[in-house]
PDB file of N, CA and C in Angstrom:
ATOM      1  N   UNK A   1     -22.371 -12.842 -26.080  1.00  0.00           N
ATOM      2  CA  UNK A   1     -22.200 -13.281 -27.450  1.00  0.00           C
ATOM      3  C   UNK A   1     -20.945 -12.636 -28.024  1.00  0.00           C
ATOM      4  N   UNK A   2     -19.960 -13.403 -28.374  1.00  0.00           N
ATOM      5  CA  UNK A   2     -18.732 -12.904 -28.974  1.00  0.00           C
ATOM      6  C   UNK A   2     -18.921 -12.768 -30.482  1.00  0.00           C
ATOM      7  N   UNK A   3     -18.344 -11.727 -31.079  1.00  0.00           N
ATOM      8  CA  UNK A   3     -18.467 -11.586 -32.537  1.00  0.00           C
ATOM      9  C   UNK A   3     -17.735 -12.711 -33.245  1.00  0.00           C
ATOM     10  N   UNK A   4     -18.252 -13.083 -34.432  1.00  0.00           N
ATOM     11  CA  UNK A   4     -17.627 -14.135 -35.229  1.00  0.00           C
ATOM     12  C   UNK A   4     -16.315 -13.666 -35.826  1.00  0.00           C
ATOM     13  N   UNK A   5     -16.179 -12.377 -36.038  1.00  0.00           N
ATOM     14  CA  UNK A   5     -14.972 -11.819 -36.638  1.00  0.00           C
ATOM     15  C   UNK A   5     -14.850 -10.354 -36.242  1.00  0.00           C
ATOM     16  N   UNK A   6     -13.674  -9.834 -36.399  1.00  0.00           N
ATOM     17  CA  UNK A   6     -13.448  -8.426 -36.116  1.00  0.00           C
ATOM     18  C   UNK A   6     -13.105  -7.707 -37.401  1.00  0.00           C
ATOM     19  N   UNK A   7     -13.563  -6.492 -37.499  1.00  0.00           N
ATOM     20  CA  UNK A   7     -13.243  -5.640 -38.638  1.00  0.00           C
ATOM     21  C   UNK A   7     -12.382  -4.489 -38.149  1.00  0.00           C
ATOM     22  N   UNK A   8     -11.548  -4.020 -39.004  1.00  0.00           N
ATOM     23  CA  UNK A   8     -10.728  -2.866 -38.691  1.00  0.00           C
ATOM     24  C   UNK A   8     -10.832  -1.900 -39.863  1.00  0.00           C
ATOM     25  N   UNK A   9     -11.054  -0.645 -39.564  1.00  0.00           N
ATOM     26  CA  UNK A   9     -11.162   0.329 -40.637  1.00  0.00           C
ATOM     27  C   UNK A   9     -11.567   1.688 -40.126  1.00  0.00           C
ATOM     28  N   UNK A  10     -11.869   2.566 -41.049  1.00  0.00           N
ATOM     29  CA  UNK A  10     -12.176   3.953 -40.723  1.00  0.00           C
ATOM     30  C   UNK A  10     -13.608   4.122 -40.231  1.00  0.00           C
ATOM     31  N   UNK A  11     -13.774   5.147 -39.392  1.00  0.00           N
ATOM     32  CA  UNK A  11     -15.110   5.557 -38.962  1.00  0.00           C
ATOM     33  C   UNK A  11     -15.331   7.003 -39.391  1.00  0.00           C
ATOM     34  N   UNK A  12     -16.562   7.378 -39.436  1.00  0.00           N
ATOM     35  CA  UNK A  12     -16.964   8.732 -39.793  1.00  0.00           C
ATOM     36  C   UNK A  12     -17.526   9.363 -38.530  1.00  0.00           C
ATOM     37  N   UNK A  13     -16.959  10.463 -38.102  1.00  0.00           N
ATOM     38  CA  UNK A  13     -17.501  11.156 -36.937  1.00  0.00           C
ATOM     39  C   UNK A  13     -18.309  12.359 -37.399  1.00  0.00           C
ATOM     40  N   UNK A  14     -19.502  12.455 -36.896  1.00  0.00           N
ATOM     41  CA  UNK A  14     -20.403  13.556 -37.234  1.00  0.00           C
ATOM     42  C   UNK A  14     -21.282  13.821 -36.021  1.00  0.00           C
ATOM     43  N   UNK A  15     -21.665  15.059 -35.824  1.00  0.00           N
ATOM     44  CA  UNK A  15     -22.470  15.379 -34.644  1.00  0.00           C
ATOM     45  C   UNK A  15     -23.934  14.976 -34.779  1.00  0.00           C
ATOM     46  N   UNK A  16     -24.374  14.616 -35.973  1.00  0.00           N
ATOM     47  CA  UNK A  16     -25.779  14.244 -36.156  1.00  0.00           C
ATOM     48  C   UNK A  16     -25.934  13.303 -37.352  1.00  0.00           C
ATOM     49  N   UNK A  17     -25.620  12.008 -37.189  1.00  0.00           N
ATOM     50  CA  UNK A  17     -25.676  11.098 -38.339  1.00  0.00           C
ATOM     51  C   UNK A  17     -27.057  10.960 -38.970  1.00  0.00           C
ATOM     52  N   UNK A  18     -28.114  11.243 -38.228  1.00  0.00           N
ATOM     53  CA  UNK A  18     -29.455  11.078 -38.777  1.00  0.00           C
ATOM     54  C   UNK A  18     -29.852  12.201 -39.725  1.00  0.00           C
ATOM     55  N   UNK A  19     -29.103  13.310 -39.721  1.00  0.00           N
ATOM     56  CA  UNK A  19     -29.465  14.403 -40.620  1.00  0.00           C
ATOM     57  C   UNK A  19     -28.524  14.519 -41.818  1.00  0.00           C
ATOM     58  N   UNK A  20     -27.606  13.597 -41.979  1.00  0.00           N
ATOM     59  CA  UNK A  20     -26.657  13.655 -43.094  1.00  0.00           C
ATOM     60  C   UNK A  20     -27.388  13.457 -44.420  1.00  0.00           C
ATOM     61  N   UNK A  21     -26.844  14.057 -45.453  1.00  0.00           N
ATOM     62  CA  UNK A  21     -27.452  13.979 -46.779  1.00  0.00           C
ATOM     63  C   UNK A  21     -27.109  12.647 -47.452  1.00  0.00           C
ATOM     64  N   UNK A  22     -27.903  12.280 -48.427  1.00  0.00           N
ATOM     65  CA  UNK A  22     -27.622  11.068 -49.205  1.00  0.00           C
ATOM     66  C   UNK A  22     -26.254  11.147 -49.871  1.00  0.00           C
ATOM     67  N   UNK A  23     -25.880  12.338 -50.325  1.00  0.00           N
ATOM     68  CA  UNK A  23     -24.569  12.520 -50.967  1.00  0.00           C
ATOM     69  C   UNK A  23     -23.443  12.208 -49.989  1.00  0.00           C
ATOM     70  N   UNK A  24     -23.548  12.721 -48.769  1.00  0.00           N
ATOM     71  CA  UNK A  24     -22.521  12.468 -47.754  1.00  0.00           C
ATOM     72  C   UNK A  24     -22.475  10.989 -47.383  1.00  0.00           C
ATOM     73  N   UNK A  25     -23.627  10.374 -47.261  1.00  0.00           N
ATOM     74  CA  UNK A  25     -23.694   8.950 -46.921  1.00  0.00           C
ATOM     75  C   UNK A  25     -23.096   8.111 -48.045  1.00  0.00           C
ATOM     76  N   UNK A  26     -23.403   8.447 -49.283  1.00  0.00           N
ATOM     77  CA  UNK A  26     -22.845   7.719 -50.438  1.00  0.00           C
ATOM     78  C   UNK A  26     -21.329   7.867 -50.486  1.00  0.00           C
ATOM     79  N   UNK A  27     -20.823   9.072 -50.190  1.00  0.00           N
ATOM     80  CA  UNK A  27     -19.382   9.278 -50.163  1.00  0.00           C
ATOM     81  C   UNK A  27     -18.725   8.390 -49.108  1.00  0.00           C
ATOM     82  N   UNK A  28     -19.328   8.308 -47.932  1.00  0.00           N
ATOM     83  CA  UNK A  28     -18.788   7.456 -46.867  1.00  0.00           C
ATOM     84  C   UNK A  28     -18.795   5.989 -47.303  1.00  0.00           C
ATOM     85  N   UNK A  29     -19.862   5.562 -47.943  1.00  0.00           N
ATOM     86  CA  UNK A  29     -19.910   4.177 -48.452  1.00  0.00           C
ATOM     87  C   UNK A  29     -18.810   3.937 -49.477  1.00  0.00           C
ATOM     88  N   UNK A  30     -18.603   4.896 -50.376  1.00  0.00           N
ATOM     89  CA  UNK A  30     -17.593   4.726 -51.425  1.00  0.00           C
ATOM     90  C   UNK A  30     -16.182   4.679 -50.838  1.00  0.00           C
ATOM     91  N   UNK A  31     -15.993   5.295 -49.678  1.00  0.00           N
ATOM     92  CA  UNK A  31     -14.695   5.275 -49.001  1.00  0.00           C
ATOM     93  C   UNK A  31     -14.570   4.096 -48.037  1.00  0.00           C
ATOM     94  N   UNK A  32     -15.575   3.217 -48.063  1.00  0.00           N
ATOM     95  CA  UNK A  32     -15.617   2.007 -47.240  1.00  0.00           C
ATOM     96  C   UNK A  32     -15.534   2.297 -45.745  1.00  0.00           C
ATOM     97  N   UNK A  33     -16.225   3.366 -45.328  1.00  0.00           N
ATOM     98  CA  UNK A  33     -16.327   3.704 -43.920  1.00  0.00           C
ATOM     99  C   UNK A  33     -17.126   2.596 -43.239  1.00  0.00           C
ATOM    100  N   UNK A  34     -16.623   2.091 -42.116  1.00  0.00           N
ATOM    101  CA  UNK A  34     -17.262   0.959 -41.454  1.00  0.00           C
ATOM    102  C   UNK A  34     -18.292   1.354 -40.401  1.00  0.00           C
ATOM    103  N   UNK A  35     -18.156   2.563 -39.841  1.00  0.00           N
ATOM    104  CA  UNK A  35     -19.065   2.943 -38.760  1.00  0.00           C
ATOM    105  C   UNK A  35     -19.210   4.457 -38.706  1.00  0.00           C
ATOM    106  N   UNK A  36     -20.289   4.879 -38.089  1.00  0.00           N
ATOM    107  CA  UNK A  36     -20.544   6.293 -37.839  1.00  0.00           C
ATOM    108  C   UNK A  36     -20.696   6.453 -36.337  1.00  0.00           C
ATOM    109  N   UNK A  37     -20.042   7.475 -35.789  1.00  0.00           N
ATOM    110  CA  UNK A  37     -20.187   7.731 -34.368  1.00  0.00           C
ATOM    111  C   UNK A  37     -20.290   9.225 -34.126  1.00  0.00           C
ATOM    112  N   UNK A  38     -20.766   9.610 -32.939  1.00  0.00           N
ATOM    113  CA  UNK A  38     -21.026  11.010 -32.659  1.00  0.00           C
ATOM    114  C   UNK A  38     -20.103  11.623 -31.608  1.00  0.00           C
ATOM    115  N   UNK A  39     -19.536  10.846 -30.733  1.00  0.00           N
ATOM    116  CA  UNK A  39     -18.803  11.396 -29.598  1.00  0.00           C
ATOM    117  C   UNK A  39     -17.509  12.098 -29.995  1.00  0.00           C
ATOM    118  N   UNK A  40     -16.765  11.556 -30.933  1.00  0.00           N
ATOM    119  CA  UNK A  40     -15.477  12.150 -31.309  1.00  0.00           C
ATOM    120  C   UNK A  40     -15.647  13.555 -31.872  1.00  0.00           C
ATOM    121  N   UNK A  41     -16.723  13.808 -32.588  1.00  0.00           N
ATOM    122  CA  UNK A  41     -16.942  15.138 -33.155  1.00  0.00           C
ATOM    123  C   UNK A  41     -16.960  16.183 -32.044  1.00  0.00           C
ATOM    124  N   UNK A  42     -17.642  15.897 -30.958  1.00  0.00           N
ATOM    125  CA  UNK A  42     -17.697  16.839 -29.839  1.00  0.00           C
ATOM    126  C   UNK A  42     -16.330  16.986 -29.187  1.00  0.00           C
ATOM    127  N   UNK A  43     -15.620  15.886 -28.999  1.00  0.00           N
ATOM    128  CA  UNK A  43     -14.292  15.957 -28.383  1.00  0.00           C
ATOM    129  C   UNK A  43     -13.307  16.753 -29.228  1.00  0.00           C
ATOM    130  N   UNK A  44     -13.317  16.518 -30.535  1.00  0.00           N
ATOM    131  CA  UNK A  44     -12.386  17.228 -31.404  1.00  0.00           C
ATOM    132  C   UNK A  44     -12.744  18.707 -31.521  1.00  0.00           C
ATOM    133  N   UNK A  45     -14.013  19.043 -31.456  1.00  0.00           N
ATOM    134  CA  UNK A  45     -14.422  20.449 -31.442  1.00  0.00           C
ATOM    135  C   UNK A  45     -13.931  21.113 -30.156  1.00  0.00           C
ATOM    136  N   UNK A  46     -14.104  20.440 -29.031  1.00  0.00           N
ATOM    137  CA  UNK A  46     -13.593  20.936 -27.758  1.00  0.00           C
ATOM    138  C   UNK A  46     -12.092  21.189 -27.844  1.00  0.00           C
ATOM    139  N   UNK A  47     -11.356  20.226 -28.383  1.00  0.00           N
ATOM    140  CA  UNK A  47      -9.901  20.349 -28.496  1.00  0.00           C
ATOM    141  C   UNK A  47      -9.513  21.555 -29.344  1.00  0.00           C
ATOM    142  N   UNK A  48     -10.216  21.748 -30.436  1.00  0.00           N
ATOM    143  CA  UNK A  48      -9.900  22.868 -31.325  1.00  0.00           C
ATOM    144  C   UNK A  48     -10.183  24.206 -30.644  1.00  0.00           C
ATOM    145  N   UNK A  49     -11.336  24.315 -29.991  1.00  0.00           N
ATOM    146  CA  UNK A  49     -11.710  25.569 -29.339  1.00  0.00           C
ATOM    147  C   UNK A  49     -10.760  25.883 -28.179  1.00  0.00           C
ATOM    148  N   UNK A  50     -10.429  24.886 -27.387  1.00  0.00           N
ATOM    149  CA  UNK A  50      -9.557  25.084 -26.221  1.00  0.00           C
ATOM    150  C   UNK A  50      -8.065  25.008 -26.565  1.00  0.00           C
ATOM    151  N   UNK A  51      -7.771  24.620 -27.803  1.00  0.00           N
ATOM    152  CA  UNK A  51      -6.387  24.461 -28.259  1.00  0.00           C
ATOM    153  C   UNK A  51      -5.611  23.509 -27.353  1.00  0.00           C
ATOM    154  N   UNK A  52      -6.213  22.348 -27.102  1.00  0.00           N
ATOM    155  CA  UNK A  52      -5.592  21.293 -26.296  1.00  0.00           C
ATOM    156  C   UNK A  52      -5.644  19.984 -27.074  1.00  0.00           C
ATOM    157  N   UNK A  53      -4.678  19.106 -26.836  1.00  0.00           N
ATOM    158  CA  UNK A  53      -4.719  17.806 -27.523  1.00  0.00           C
ATOM    159  C   UNK A  53      -5.777  16.890 -26.906  1.00  0.00           C
ATOM    160  N   UNK A  54      -6.424  16.122 -27.736  1.00  0.00           N
ATOM    161  CA  UNK A  54      -7.437  15.160 -27.301  1.00  0.00           C
ATOM    162  C   UNK A  54      -7.278  13.900 -28.137  1.00  0.00           C
ATOM    163  N   UNK A  55      -7.450  12.769 -27.509  1.00  0.00           N
ATOM    164  CA  UNK A  55      -7.486  11.508 -28.242  1.00  0.00           C
ATOM    165  C   UNK A  55      -8.799  10.808 -27.884  1.00  0.00           C
ATOM    166  N   UNK A  56      -9.375  10.131 -28.837  1.00  0.00           N
ATOM    167  CA  UNK A  56     -10.646   9.442 -28.618  1.00  0.00           C
ATOM    168  C   UNK A  56     -10.495   7.974 -28.983  1.00  0.00           C
ATOM    169  N   UNK A  57     -10.863   7.098 -28.068  1.00  0.00           N
ATOM    170  CA  UNK A  57     -10.911   5.667 -28.340  1.00  0.00           C
ATOM    171  C   UNK A  57     -12.374   5.271 -28.474  1.00  0.00           C
ATOM    172  N   UNK A  58     -12.736   4.691 -29.591  1.00  0.00           N
ATOM    173  CA  UNK A  58     -14.124   4.291 -29.812  1.00  0.00           C
ATOM    174  C   UNK A  58     -14.201   2.776 -29.920  1.00  0.00           C
ATOM    175  N   UNK A  59     -15.053   2.181 -29.117  1.00  0.00           N
ATOM    176  CA  UNK A  59     -15.304   0.745 -29.161  1.00  0.00           C
ATOM    177  C   UNK A  59     -16.652   0.569 -29.855  1.00  0.00           C
ATOM    178  N   UNK A  60     -16.609   0.322 -31.143  1.00  0.00           N
ATOM    179  CA  UNK A  60     -17.828   0.219 -31.951  1.00  0.00           C
ATOM    180  C   UNK A  60     -18.450  -1.148 -31.708  1.00  0.00           C
ATOM    181  N   UNK A  61     -19.719  -1.147 -31.285  1.00  0.00           N
ATOM    182  CA  UNK A  61     -20.305  -2.405 -30.854  1.00  0.00           C
ATOM    183  C   UNK A  61     -21.686  -2.725 -31.406  1.00  0.00           C
ATOM    184  N   UNK A  62     -22.347  -1.794 -32.044  1.00  0.00           N
ATOM    185  CA  UNK A  62     -23.710  -2.133 -32.452  1.00  0.00           C
ATOM    186  C   UNK A  62     -24.082  -1.535 -33.796  1.00  0.00           C
ATOM    187  N   UNK A  63     -25.302  -1.828 -34.203  1.00  0.00           N
ATOM    188  CA  UNK A  63     -25.818  -1.362 -35.481  1.00  0.00           C
ATOM    189  C   UNK A  63     -27.072  -0.532 -35.232  1.00  0.00           C
ATOM    190  N   UNK A  64     -26.905   0.579 -34.547  1.00  0.00           N
ATOM    191  CA  UNK A  64     -28.010   1.480 -34.232  1.00  0.00           C
ATOM    192  C   UNK A  64     -29.051   0.833 -33.314  1.00  0.00           C
ATOM    193  N   UNK A  65     -28.663  -0.170 -32.556  1.00  0.00           N
ATOM    194  CA  UNK A  65     -29.558  -0.753 -31.572  1.00  0.00           C
ATOM    195  C   UNK A  65     -30.815  -1.352 -32.149  1.00  0.00           C
ATOM    196  N   UNK A  66     -30.710  -2.078 -33.242  1.00  0.00           N
ATOM    197  CA  UNK A  66     -31.897  -2.635 -33.887  1.00  0.00           C
ATOM    198  C   UNK A  66     -32.339  -3.967 -33.296  1.00  0.00           C
ATOM    199  N   UNK A  67     -31.429  -4.700 -32.666  1.00  0.00           N
ATOM    200  CA  UNK A  67     -31.800  -5.949 -31.995  1.00  0.00           C
ATOM    201  C   UNK A  67     -31.114  -6.000 -30.643  1.00  0.00           C
ATOM    202  N   UNK A  68     -31.549  -6.868 -29.765  1.00  0.00           N
ATOM    203  CA  UNK A  68     -30.963  -7.002 -28.424  1.00  0.00           C
ATOM    204  C   UNK A  68     -29.462  -7.278 -28.489  1.00  0.00           C
ATOM    205  N   UNK A  69     -29.013  -8.109 -29.429  1.00  0.00           N
ATOM    206  CA  UNK A  69     -27.605  -8.468 -29.535  1.00  0.00           C
ATOM    207  C   UNK A  69     -26.727  -7.303 -29.994  1.00  0.00           C
ATOM    208  N   UNK A  70     -27.316  -6.261 -30.568  1.00  0.00           N
ATOM    209  CA  UNK A  70     -26.549  -5.120 -31.051  1.00  0.00           C
ATOM    210  C   UNK A  70     -25.792  -4.410 -29.938  1.00  0.00           C
ATOM    211  N   UNK A  71     -26.194  -4.607 -28.699  1.00  0.00           N
ATOM    212  CA  UNK A  71     -25.539  -3.919 -27.597  1.00  0.00           C
ATOM    213  C   UNK A  71     -24.483  -4.779 -26.910  1.00  0.00           C
ATOM    214  N   UNK A  72     -24.174  -5.933 -27.450  1.00  0.00           N
ATOM    215  CA  UNK A  72     -23.161  -6.816 -26.884  1.00  0.00           C
ATOM    216  C   UNK A  72     -21.786  -6.174 -27.026  1.00  0.00           C
ATOM    217  N   UNK A  73     -21.100  -6.000 -25.904  1.00  0.00           N
ATOM    218  CA  UNK A  73     -19.796  -5.349 -25.913  1.00  0.00           C
ATOM    219  C   UNK A  73     -18.681  -6.291 -25.474  1.00  0.00           C
ATOM    220  N   UNK A  74     -18.991  -7.526 -25.188  1.00  0.00           N
ATOM    221  CA  UNK A  74     -17.960  -8.462 -24.751  1.00  0.00           C
ATOM    222  C   UNK A  74     -17.886  -8.544 -23.235  1.00  0.00           C
ATOM    223  N   UNK A  75     -16.884  -9.252 -22.761  1.00  0.00           N
ATOM    224  CA  UNK A  75     -16.687  -9.470 -21.330  1.00  0.00           C
ATOM    225  C   UNK A  75     -16.587  -8.128 -20.594  1.00  0.00           C
ATOM    226  N   UNK A  76     -17.305  -8.008 -19.470  1.00  0.00           N
ATOM    227  CA  UNK A  76     -17.339  -6.788 -18.658  1.00  0.00           C
ATOM    228  C   UNK A  76     -17.719  -5.576 -19.511  1.00  0.00           C
ATOM    229  N   UNK A  77     -18.617  -5.783 -20.457  1.00  0.00           N
ATOM    230  CA  UNK A  77     -19.051  -4.722 -21.375  1.00  0.00           C
ATOM    231  C   UNK A  77     -17.889  -4.098 -22.136  1.00  0.00           C
ATOM    232  N   UNK A  78     -16.838  -4.859 -22.340  1.00  0.00           N
ATOM    233  CA  UNK A  78     -15.695  -4.382 -23.112  1.00  0.00           C
ATOM    234  C   UNK A  78     -14.754  -3.484 -22.342  1.00  0.00           C
ATOM    235  N   UNK A  79     -15.037  -3.236 -21.067  1.00  0.00           N
ATOM    236  CA  UNK A  79     -14.222  -2.284 -20.310  1.00  0.00           C
ATOM    237  C   UNK A  79     -12.792  -2.767 -20.109  1.00  0.00           C
ATOM    238  N   UNK A  80     -12.583  -4.050 -19.903  1.00  0.00           N
ATOM    239  CA  UNK A  80     -11.217  -4.557 -19.703  1.00  0.00           C
ATOM    240  C   UNK A  80     -10.387  -4.363 -20.973  1.00  0.00           C
ATOM    241  N   UNK A  81     -10.943  -4.726 -22.120  1.00  0.00           N
ATOM    242  CA  UNK A  81     -10.231  -4.524 -23.387  1.00  0.00           C
ATOM    243  C   UNK A  81      -9.931  -3.042 -23.617  1.00  0.00           C
ATOM    244  N   UNK A  82     -10.908  -2.183 -23.323  1.00  0.00           N
ATOM    245  CA  UNK A  82     -10.723  -0.745 -23.525  1.00  0.00           C
ATOM    246  C   UNK A  82      -9.623  -0.204 -22.619  1.00  0.00           C
ATOM    247  N   UNK A  83      -9.618  -0.617 -21.367  1.00  0.00           N
ATOM    248  CA  UNK A  83      -8.586  -0.148 -20.442  1.00  0.00           C
ATOM    249  C   UNK A  83      -7.195  -0.615 -20.863  1.00  0.00           C
ATOM    250  N   UNK A  84      -7.097  -1.833 -21.358  1.00  0.00           N
ATOM    251  CA  UNK A  84      -5.798  -2.336 -21.828  1.00  0.00           C
ATOM    252  C   UNK A  84      -5.305  -1.530 -23.034  1.00  0.00           C
ATOM    253  N   UNK A  85      -6.196  -1.207 -23.946  1.00  0.00           N
ATOM    254  CA  UNK A  85      -5.836  -0.403 -25.114  1.00  0.00           C
ATOM    255  C   UNK A  85      -5.383   0.993 -24.691  1.00  0.00           C
ATOM    256  N   UNK A  86      -6.122   1.620 -23.792  1.00  0.00           N
ATOM    257  CA  UNK A  86      -5.776   2.966 -23.328  1.00  0.00           C
ATOM    258  C   UNK A  86      -4.440   2.947 -22.590  1.00  0.00           C
ATOM    259  N   UNK A  87      -4.216   1.927 -21.771  1.00  0.00           N
ATOM    260  CA  UNK A  87      -2.944   1.804 -21.053  1.00  0.00           C
ATOM    261  C   UNK A  87      -1.779   1.672 -22.039  1.00  0.00           C
ATOM    262  N   UNK A  88      -1.931   0.834 -23.055  1.00  0.00           N
ATOM    263  CA  UNK A  88      -0.866   0.658 -24.052  1.00  0.00           C
ATOM    264  C   UNK A  88      -0.607   1.953 -24.815  1.00  0.00           C
ATOM    265  N   UNK A  89      -1.660   2.670 -25.177  1.00  0.00           N
ATOM    266  CA  UNK A  89      -1.495   3.932 -25.903  1.00  0.00           C
ATOM    267  C   UNK A  89      -0.819   4.983 -25.014  1.00  0.00           C
ATOM    268  N   UNK A  90      -1.228   5.066 -23.754  1.00  0.00           N
ATOM    269  CA  UNK A  90      -0.625   6.035 -22.833  1.00  0.00           C
ATOM    270  C   UNK A  90       0.849   5.711 -22.601  1.00  0.00           C
ATOM    271  N   UNK A  91       1.174   4.443 -22.465  1.00  0.00           N
ATOM    272  CA  UNK A  91       2.565   4.032 -22.277  1.00  0.00           C
ATOM    273  C   UNK A  91       3.400   4.418 -23.497  1.00  0.00           C
ATOM    274  N   UNK A  92       2.877   4.161 -24.680  1.00  0.00           N
ATOM    275  CA  UNK A  92       3.590   4.510 -25.912  1.00  0.00           C
ATOM    276  C   UNK A  92       3.743   6.025 -26.027  1.00  0.00           C
ATOM    277  N   UNK A  93       2.698   6.781 -25.713  1.00  0.00           N
ATOM    278  CA  UNK A  93       2.747   8.239 -25.787  1.00  0.00           C
ATOM    279  C   UNK A  93       3.805   8.788 -24.839  1.00  0.00           C
ATOM    280  N   UNK A  94       3.835   8.257 -23.615  1.00  0.00           N
ATOM    281  CA  UNK A  94       4.832   8.719 -22.632  1.00  0.00           C
ATOM    282  C   UNK A  94       6.256   8.449 -23.107  1.00  0.00           C
ATOM    283  N   UNK A  95       6.457   7.382 -23.866  1.00  0.00           N
ATOM    284  CA  UNK A  95       7.815   7.055 -24.314  1.00  0.00           C
ATOM    285  C   UNK A  95       8.326   8.058 -25.332  1.00  0.00           C
ATOM    286  N   UNK A  96       7.430   8.830 -25.960  1.00  0.00           N
ATOM    287  CA  UNK A  96       7.832   9.839 -26.938  1.00  0.00           C
ATOM    288  C   UNK A  96       8.071  11.196 -26.297  1.00  0.00           C
ATOM    289  N   UNK A  97       7.678  11.359 -25.049  1.00  0.00           N
ATOM    290  CA  UNK A  97       7.810  12.675 -24.372  1.00  0.00           C
ATOM    291  C   UNK A  97       8.906  12.676 -23.351  1.00  0.00           C
TER     292      UNK A  97
END
């Protein structure tokens, strides 16, 4: 099932979205945050502790797994699109170094 449209915007990274306060959730809504994810928080913490650069690509695909279609990621589970994006970003990054 392909999405009818694509959205582009900010995400909120937090290590535990289920324990966030109503105030924090309301602030995210007021800032028009489109998604919440957990993986980047761990990666960025790792980067800070180890003092190394890290980049995170997030392919947002569902709404907390509430229906079967929420896990639809596109052709090949979105892996081809993700690899193309990572390749383009790596190529651009290398051109600056």
